[in-house]
């Protein structure tokens, strides 16, 4: 299962800033503000990125995109478009003004609500020191992944066994396996 994170917040709450920060440290990040389902399938098949979609609900055909996102949590699900096969499997972070009215997609996501901060002490993402720290962190995360790849075994998440359905267990299991 691929981990999905849904970031929900009002305008000016920092959703785009969070996605930009994640794009600096996520493996093969692809930060998008608008994408069609066909483009999502092609990008996932070609680059296997961590997809970060800003303002997900504003895309032209959000129904088709939500379908592609729902199918992208499972490695074995393939879409066929014009005699070509594609998949949208992989980690995704999506920002929303409010949770989508899509129970199936919602069941696959870990939701994080964010709120506007009045703090002026935060560094801007464009600052060279932030860029340098992000590059160093990304290198450390990659080194950690290489060093522990064969050592990591999924550990049970406390309470996972009492979750009602496989769909409600999926986000917990995906998070457990991706850590």
C-alpha atoms as a PDB file:
ATOM      1  CA  UNK A   1       0.000   0.000   0.000  1.00  0.00           C
ATOM      2  CA  UNK A   2       1.215   3.500  -0.791  1.00  0.00           C
ATOM      3  CA  UNK A   3       0.915   6.140   1.937  1.00  0.00           C
ATOM      4  CA  UNK A   4      -1.482   9.013   1.197  1.00  0.00           C
ATOM      5  CA  UNK A   5      -1.493  12.248   3.157  1.00  0.00           C
ATOM      6  CA  UNK A   6      -4.366  14.717   2.831  1.00  0.00           C
ATOM      7  CA  UNK A   7      -3.603  18.230   4.055  1.00  0.00           C
ATOM      8  CA  UNK A   8      -6.743  20.237   4.790  1.00  0.00           C
ATOM      9  CA  UNK A   9      -6.844  23.932   5.595  1.00  0.00           C
ATOM     10  CA  UNK A  10      -8.367  27.281   4.748  1.00  0.00           C
ATOM     11  CA  UNK A  11      -6.745  29.643   2.226  1.00  0.00           C
ATOM     12  CA  UNK A  12      -3.507  31.147   3.581  1.00  0.00           C
ATOM     13  CA  UNK A  13      -3.122  28.346   6.141  1.00  0.00           C
ATOM     14  CA  UNK A  14       0.165  27.164   4.641  1.00  0.00           C
ATOM     15  CA  UNK A  15      -0.880  24.166   2.534  1.00  0.00           C
ATOM     16  CA  UNK A  16       1.227  25.211  -0.454  1.00  0.00           C
ATOM     17  CA  UNK A  17       4.167  26.054   1.793  1.00  0.00           C
ATOM     18  CA  UNK A  18       3.952  22.622   3.396  1.00  0.00           C
ATOM     19  CA  UNK A  19       3.857  20.943  -0.010  1.00  0.00           C
ATOM     20  CA  UNK A  20       6.849  23.004  -1.141  1.00  0.00           C
ATOM     21  CA  UNK A  21       8.769  21.989   1.988  1.00  0.00           C
ATOM     22  CA  UNK A  22       7.878  18.326   1.435  1.00  0.00           C
ATOM     23  CA  UNK A  23       9.008  18.600  -2.187  1.00  0.00           C
ATOM     24  CA  UNK A  24      12.488  19.470  -0.917  1.00  0.00           C
ATOM     25  CA  UNK A  25      12.849  16.263   1.102  1.00  0.00           C
ATOM     26  CA  UNK A  26      10.577  13.650  -0.483  1.00  0.00           C
ATOM     27  CA  UNK A  27      12.064  11.070  -2.788  1.00  0.00           C
ATOM     28  CA  UNK A  28      11.496  11.967  -6.465  1.00  0.00           C
ATOM     29  CA  UNK A  29       8.985  14.666  -5.607  1.00  0.00           C
ATOM     30  CA  UNK A  30       6.689  16.086  -8.247  1.00  0.00           C
ATOM     31  CA  UNK A  31       4.832  19.209  -7.057  1.00  0.00           C
ATOM     32  CA  UNK A  32       1.757  19.959  -9.151  1.00  0.00           C
ATOM     33  CA  UNK A  33      -1.016  22.512  -9.026  1.00  0.00           C
ATOM     34  CA  UNK A  34      -3.167  21.048 -11.793  1.00  0.00           C
ATOM     35  CA  UNK A  35      -3.084  17.637 -13.440  1.00  0.00           C
ATOM     36  CA  UNK A  36      -5.395  15.407 -15.426  1.00  0.00           C
ATOM     37  CA  UNK A  37      -5.842  11.754 -14.576  1.00  0.00           C
ATOM     38  CA  UNK A  38      -4.114  10.789 -17.848  1.00  0.00           C
ATOM     39  CA  UNK A  39      -1.092  12.932 -16.979  1.00  0.00           C
ATOM     40  CA  UNK A  40      -1.005  11.476 -13.470  1.00  0.00           C
ATOM     41  CA  UNK A  41      -0.912   7.936 -14.885  1.00  0.00           C
ATOM     42  CA  UNK A  42       1.893   8.878 -17.302  1.00  0.00           C
ATOM     43  CA  UNK A  43       3.954  10.688 -14.666  1.00  0.00           C
ATOM     44  CA  UNK A  44       3.625   7.827 -12.166  1.00  0.00           C
ATOM     45  CA  UNK A  45       4.538   5.209 -14.754  1.00  0.00           C
ATOM     46  CA  UNK A  46       7.539   7.143 -16.020  1.00  0.00           C
ATOM     47  CA  UNK A  47       9.066   8.658 -12.851  1.00  0.00           C
ATOM     48  CA  UNK A  48       7.558   6.731  -9.902  1.00  0.00           C
ATOM     49  CA  UNK A  49       7.452  10.039  -7.994  1.00  0.00           C
ATOM     50  CA  UNK A  50       6.081  11.182  -4.689  1.00  0.00           C
ATOM     51  CA  UNK A  51       3.201  13.228  -6.091  1.00  0.00           C
ATOM     52  CA  UNK A  52       2.268  16.430  -4.276  1.00  0.00           C
ATOM     53  CA  UNK A  53      -0.946  18.003  -5.605  1.00  0.00           C
ATOM     54  CA  UNK A  54      -1.845  21.499  -4.460  1.00  0.00           C
ATOM     55  CA  UNK A  55      -5.531  22.471  -4.380  1.00  0.00           C
ATOM     56  CA  UNK A  56      -6.579  19.048  -5.589  1.00  0.00           C
ATOM     57  CA  UNK A  57     -10.283  19.937  -5.808  1.00  0.00           C
ATOM     58  CA  UNK A  58      -9.666  22.680  -8.394  1.00  0.00           C
ATOM     59  CA  UNK A  59      -8.570  20.408 -11.243  1.00  0.00           C
ATOM     60  CA  UNK A  60     -10.789  20.406 -14.311  1.00  0.00           C
ATOM     61  CA  UNK A  61     -12.092  16.839 -14.021  1.00  0.00           C
ATOM     62  CA  UNK A  62     -11.661  16.078 -10.346  1.00  0.00           C
ATOM     63  CA  UNK A  63     -13.881  12.969 -10.573  1.00  0.00           C
ATOM     64  CA  UNK A  64     -11.448  11.249 -12.967  1.00  0.00           C
ATOM     65  CA  UNK A  65      -8.473  12.382 -10.890  1.00  0.00           C
ATOM     66  CA  UNK A  66     -10.042  11.081  -7.682  1.00  0.00           C
ATOM     67  CA  UNK A  67     -10.553   7.722  -9.430  1.00  0.00           C
ATOM     68  CA  UNK A  68      -6.876   7.632 -10.436  1.00  0.00           C
ATOM     69  CA  UNK A  69      -5.895   8.511  -6.873  1.00  0.00           C
ATOM     70  CA  UNK A  70      -8.113   5.775  -5.412  1.00  0.00           C
ATOM     71  CA  UNK A  71      -6.542   3.174  -7.670  1.00  0.00           C
ATOM     72  CA  UNK A  72      -2.999   4.385  -6.985  1.00  0.00           C
ATOM     73  CA  UNK A  73      -2.787   3.105  -3.444  1.00  0.00           C
ATOM     74  CA  UNK A  74      -2.385  -0.513  -4.563  1.00  0.00           C
ATOM     75  CA  UNK A  75       0.658  -1.627  -6.538  1.00  0.00           C
ATOM     76  CA  UNK A  76      -1.168  -4.187  -8.692  1.00  0.00           C
ATOM     77  CA  UNK A  77      -3.990  -1.971 -10.029  1.00  0.00           C
ATOM     78  CA  UNK A  78      -3.452  -1.016 -13.677  1.00  0.00           C
ATOM     79  CA  UNK A  79      -5.423   1.357 -15.899  1.00  0.00           C
ATOM     80  CA  UNK A  80      -5.770   0.811 -19.632  1.00  0.00           C
ATOM     81  CA  UNK A  81      -5.997   3.911 -21.794  1.00  0.00           C
ATOM     82  CA  UNK A  82      -5.862   3.732 -25.603  1.00  0.00           C
ATOM     83  CA  UNK A  83      -4.224   0.307 -25.608  1.00  0.00           C
ATOM     84  CA  UNK A  84      -1.537   1.362 -23.105  1.00  0.00           C
ATOM     85  CA  UNK A  85      -1.288   0.240 -19.512  1.00  0.00           C
ATOM     86  CA  UNK A  86      -0.536   2.694 -16.712  1.00  0.00           C
ATOM     87  CA  UNK A  87      -0.517   2.739 -12.952  1.00  0.00           C
ATOM     88  CA  UNK A  88      -0.662   5.555 -10.456  1.00  0.00           C
ATOM     89  CA  UNK A  89       0.871   3.658  -7.561  1.00  0.00           C
ATOM     90  CA  UNK A  90       3.001   5.624  -5.142  1.00  0.00           C
ATOM     91  CA  UNK A  91       3.039   8.017  -2.231  1.00  0.00           C
ATOM     92  CA  UNK A  92       0.821  11.073  -2.616  1.00  0.00           C
ATOM     93  CA  UNK A  93       0.216  14.275  -0.695  1.00  0.00           C
ATOM     94  CA  UNK A  94      -2.886  16.243  -1.621  1.00  0.00           C
ATOM     95  CA  UNK A  95      -4.058  19.588  -0.302  1.00  0.00           C
ATOM     96  CA  UNK A  96      -7.733  20.413   0.026  1.00  0.00           C
ATOM     97  CA  UNK A  97      -9.799  23.308   1.359  1.00  0.00           C
ATOM     98  CA  UNK A  98     -12.085  20.646   2.850  1.00  0.00           C
ATOM     99  CA  UNK A  99     -12.032  16.868   2.770  1.00  0.00           C
ATOM    100  CA  UNK A 100     -13.367  15.545  -0.535  1.00  0.00           C
ATOM    101  CA  UNK A 101     -16.833  14.053  -0.631  1.00  0.00           C
ATOM    102  CA  UNK A 102     -15.326  10.740  -1.672  1.00  0.00           C
ATOM    103  CA  UNK A 103     -15.520   8.168   1.097  1.00  0.00           C
ATOM    104  CA  UNK A 104     -13.374   5.652  -0.780  1.00  0.00           C
ATOM    105  CA  UNK A 105     -10.532   8.149  -1.288  1.00  0.00           C
ATOM    106  CA  UNK A 106     -10.875   9.475   2.264  1.00  0.00           C
ATOM    107  CA  UNK A 107     -10.538   5.945   3.660  1.00  0.00           C
ATOM    108  CA  UNK A 108      -7.135   5.688   1.983  1.00  0.00           C
ATOM    109  CA  UNK A 109      -5.742   8.944   3.442  1.00  0.00           C
ATOM    110  CA  UNK A 110      -4.211  10.112   6.658  1.00  0.00           C
ATOM    111  CA  UNK A 111      -5.668  13.576   7.251  1.00  0.00           C
ATOM    112  CA  UNK A 112      -3.778  16.526   8.688  1.00  0.00           C
ATOM    113  CA  UNK A 113      -5.532  19.822   9.397  1.00  0.00           C
ATOM    114  CA  UNK A 114      -3.376  22.937   9.331  1.00  0.00           C
ATOM    115  CA  UNK A 115      -4.051  26.466  10.447  1.00  0.00           C
ATOM    116  CA  UNK A 116      -2.540  29.837   9.663  1.00  0.00           C
ATOM    117  CA  UNK A 117       0.346  30.825  11.920  1.00  0.00           C
ATOM    118  CA  UNK A 118       0.999  34.336  13.123  1.00  0.00           C
ATOM    119  CA  UNK A 119       4.642  33.542  13.880  1.00  0.00           C
ATOM    120  CA  UNK A 120       7.159  35.677  12.019  1.00  0.00           C
ATOM    121  CA  UNK A 121      10.097  33.518  13.175  1.00  0.00           C
ATOM    122  CA  UNK A 122       9.778  30.906  10.444  1.00  0.00           C
ATOM    123  CA  UNK A 123      12.409  30.781   7.731  1.00  0.00           C
ATOM    124  CA  UNK A 124      11.269  31.022   4.119  1.00  0.00           C
ATOM    125  CA  UNK A 125      11.702  28.023   1.839  1.00  0.00           C
ATOM    126  CA  UNK A 126      13.609  30.141  -0.695  1.00  0.00           C
ATOM    127  CA  UNK A 127      16.385  30.961   1.775  1.00  0.00           C
ATOM    128  CA  UNK A 128      19.705  29.300   0.858  1.00  0.00           C
ATOM    129  CA  UNK A 129      20.130  27.959   4.404  1.00  0.00           C
ATOM    130  CA  UNK A 130      16.753  26.196   4.213  1.00  0.00           C
ATOM    131  CA  UNK A 131      17.595  24.795   0.771  1.00  0.00           C
ATOM    132  CA  UNK A 132      20.939  23.516   2.086  1.00  0.00           C
ATOM    133  CA  UNK A 133      19.357  21.917   5.168  1.00  0.00           C
ATOM    134  CA  UNK A 134      16.707  20.263   2.988  1.00  0.00           C
ATOM    135  CA  UNK A 135      19.368  18.855   0.646  1.00  0.00           C
ATOM    136  CA  UNK A 136      21.318  17.486   3.608  1.00  0.00           C
ATOM    137  CA  UNK A 137      18.170  15.943   5.115  1.00  0.00           C
ATOM    138  CA  UNK A 138      17.201  14.353   1.805  1.00  0.00           C
ATOM    139  CA  UNK A 139      20.690  12.820   1.505  1.00  0.00           C
ATOM    140  CA  UNK A 140      20.468  11.501   5.082  1.00  0.00           C
ATOM    141  CA  UNK A 141      17.020  10.021   4.416  1.00  0.00           C
ATOM    142  CA  UNK A 142      18.319   8.283   1.306  1.00  0.00           C
ATOM    143  CA  UNK A 143      21.318   6.924   3.201  1.00  0.00           C
ATOM    144  CA  UNK A 144      18.993   5.711   5.963  1.00  0.00           C
ATOM    145  CA  UNK A 145      16.820   3.985   3.358  1.00  0.00           C
ATOM    146  CA  UNK A 146      19.834   2.218   1.838  1.00  0.00           C
ATOM    147  CA  UNK A 147      21.180   1.192   5.260  1.00  0.00           C
ATOM    148  CA  UNK A 148      17.902  -0.196   6.600  1.00  0.00           C
ATOM    149  CA  UNK A 149      16.142  -1.457   3.458  1.00  0.00           C
ATOM    150  CA  UNK A 150      16.670  -5.158   4.175  1.00  0.00           C
ATOM    151  CA  UNK A 151      16.454  -4.781   7.959  1.00  0.00           C
ATOM    152  CA  UNK A 152      12.984  -3.249   8.182  1.00  0.00           C
ATOM    153  CA  UNK A 153      10.088  -5.563   8.871  1.00  0.00           C
ATOM    154  CA  UNK A 154       6.560  -4.274   9.346  1.00  0.00           C
ATOM    155  CA  UNK A 155       5.650  -3.949  12.992  1.00  0.00           C
ATOM    156  CA  UNK A 156       2.055  -4.055  14.148  1.00  0.00           C
ATOM    157  CA  UNK A 157       0.340  -0.728  14.724  1.00  0.00           C
ATOM    158  CA  UNK A 158      -1.391  -0.800  18.131  1.00  0.00           C
ATOM    159  CA  UNK A 159      -5.141  -1.037  17.595  1.00  0.00           C
ATOM    160  CA  UNK A 160      -4.875  -1.861  13.888  1.00  0.00           C
ATOM    161  CA  UNK A 161      -6.575  -5.215  14.397  1.00  0.00           C
ATOM    162  CA  UNK A 162      -9.810  -3.595  15.620  1.00  0.00           C
ATOM    163  CA  UNK A 163     -10.272  -1.330  12.616  1.00  0.00           C
ATOM    164  CA  UNK A 164     -13.510  -2.190  10.862  1.00  0.00           C
ATOM    165  CA  UNK A 165     -12.509  -2.837   7.257  1.00  0.00           C
ATOM    166  CA  UNK A 166      -9.422  -3.430   5.142  1.00  0.00           C
ATOM    167  CA  UNK A 167      -9.810   0.112   3.748  1.00  0.00           C
ATOM    168  CA  UNK A 168      -9.583   1.643   7.221  1.00  0.00           C
ATOM    169  CA  UNK A 169      -6.582  -0.548   7.987  1.00  0.00           C
ATOM    170  CA  UNK A 170      -4.811   0.385   4.730  1.00  0.00           C
ATOM    171  CA  UNK A 171      -3.536   3.874   5.707  1.00  0.00           C
ATOM    172  CA  UNK A 172      -2.139   2.551   9.001  1.00  0.00           C
ATOM    173  CA  UNK A 173      -0.468  -0.365   7.256  1.00  0.00           C
ATOM    174  CA  UNK A 174       0.913   1.808   4.460  1.00  0.00           C
ATOM    175  CA  UNK A 175       2.396   4.218   6.968  1.00  0.00           C
ATOM    176  CA  UNK A 176       3.889   1.344   8.956  1.00  0.00           C
ATOM    177  CA  UNK A 177       5.506  -0.173   5.852  1.00  0.00           C
ATOM    178  CA  UNK A 178       6.843   3.139   4.526  1.00  0.00           C
ATOM    179  CA  UNK A 179       8.634   4.126   7.731  1.00  0.00           C
END
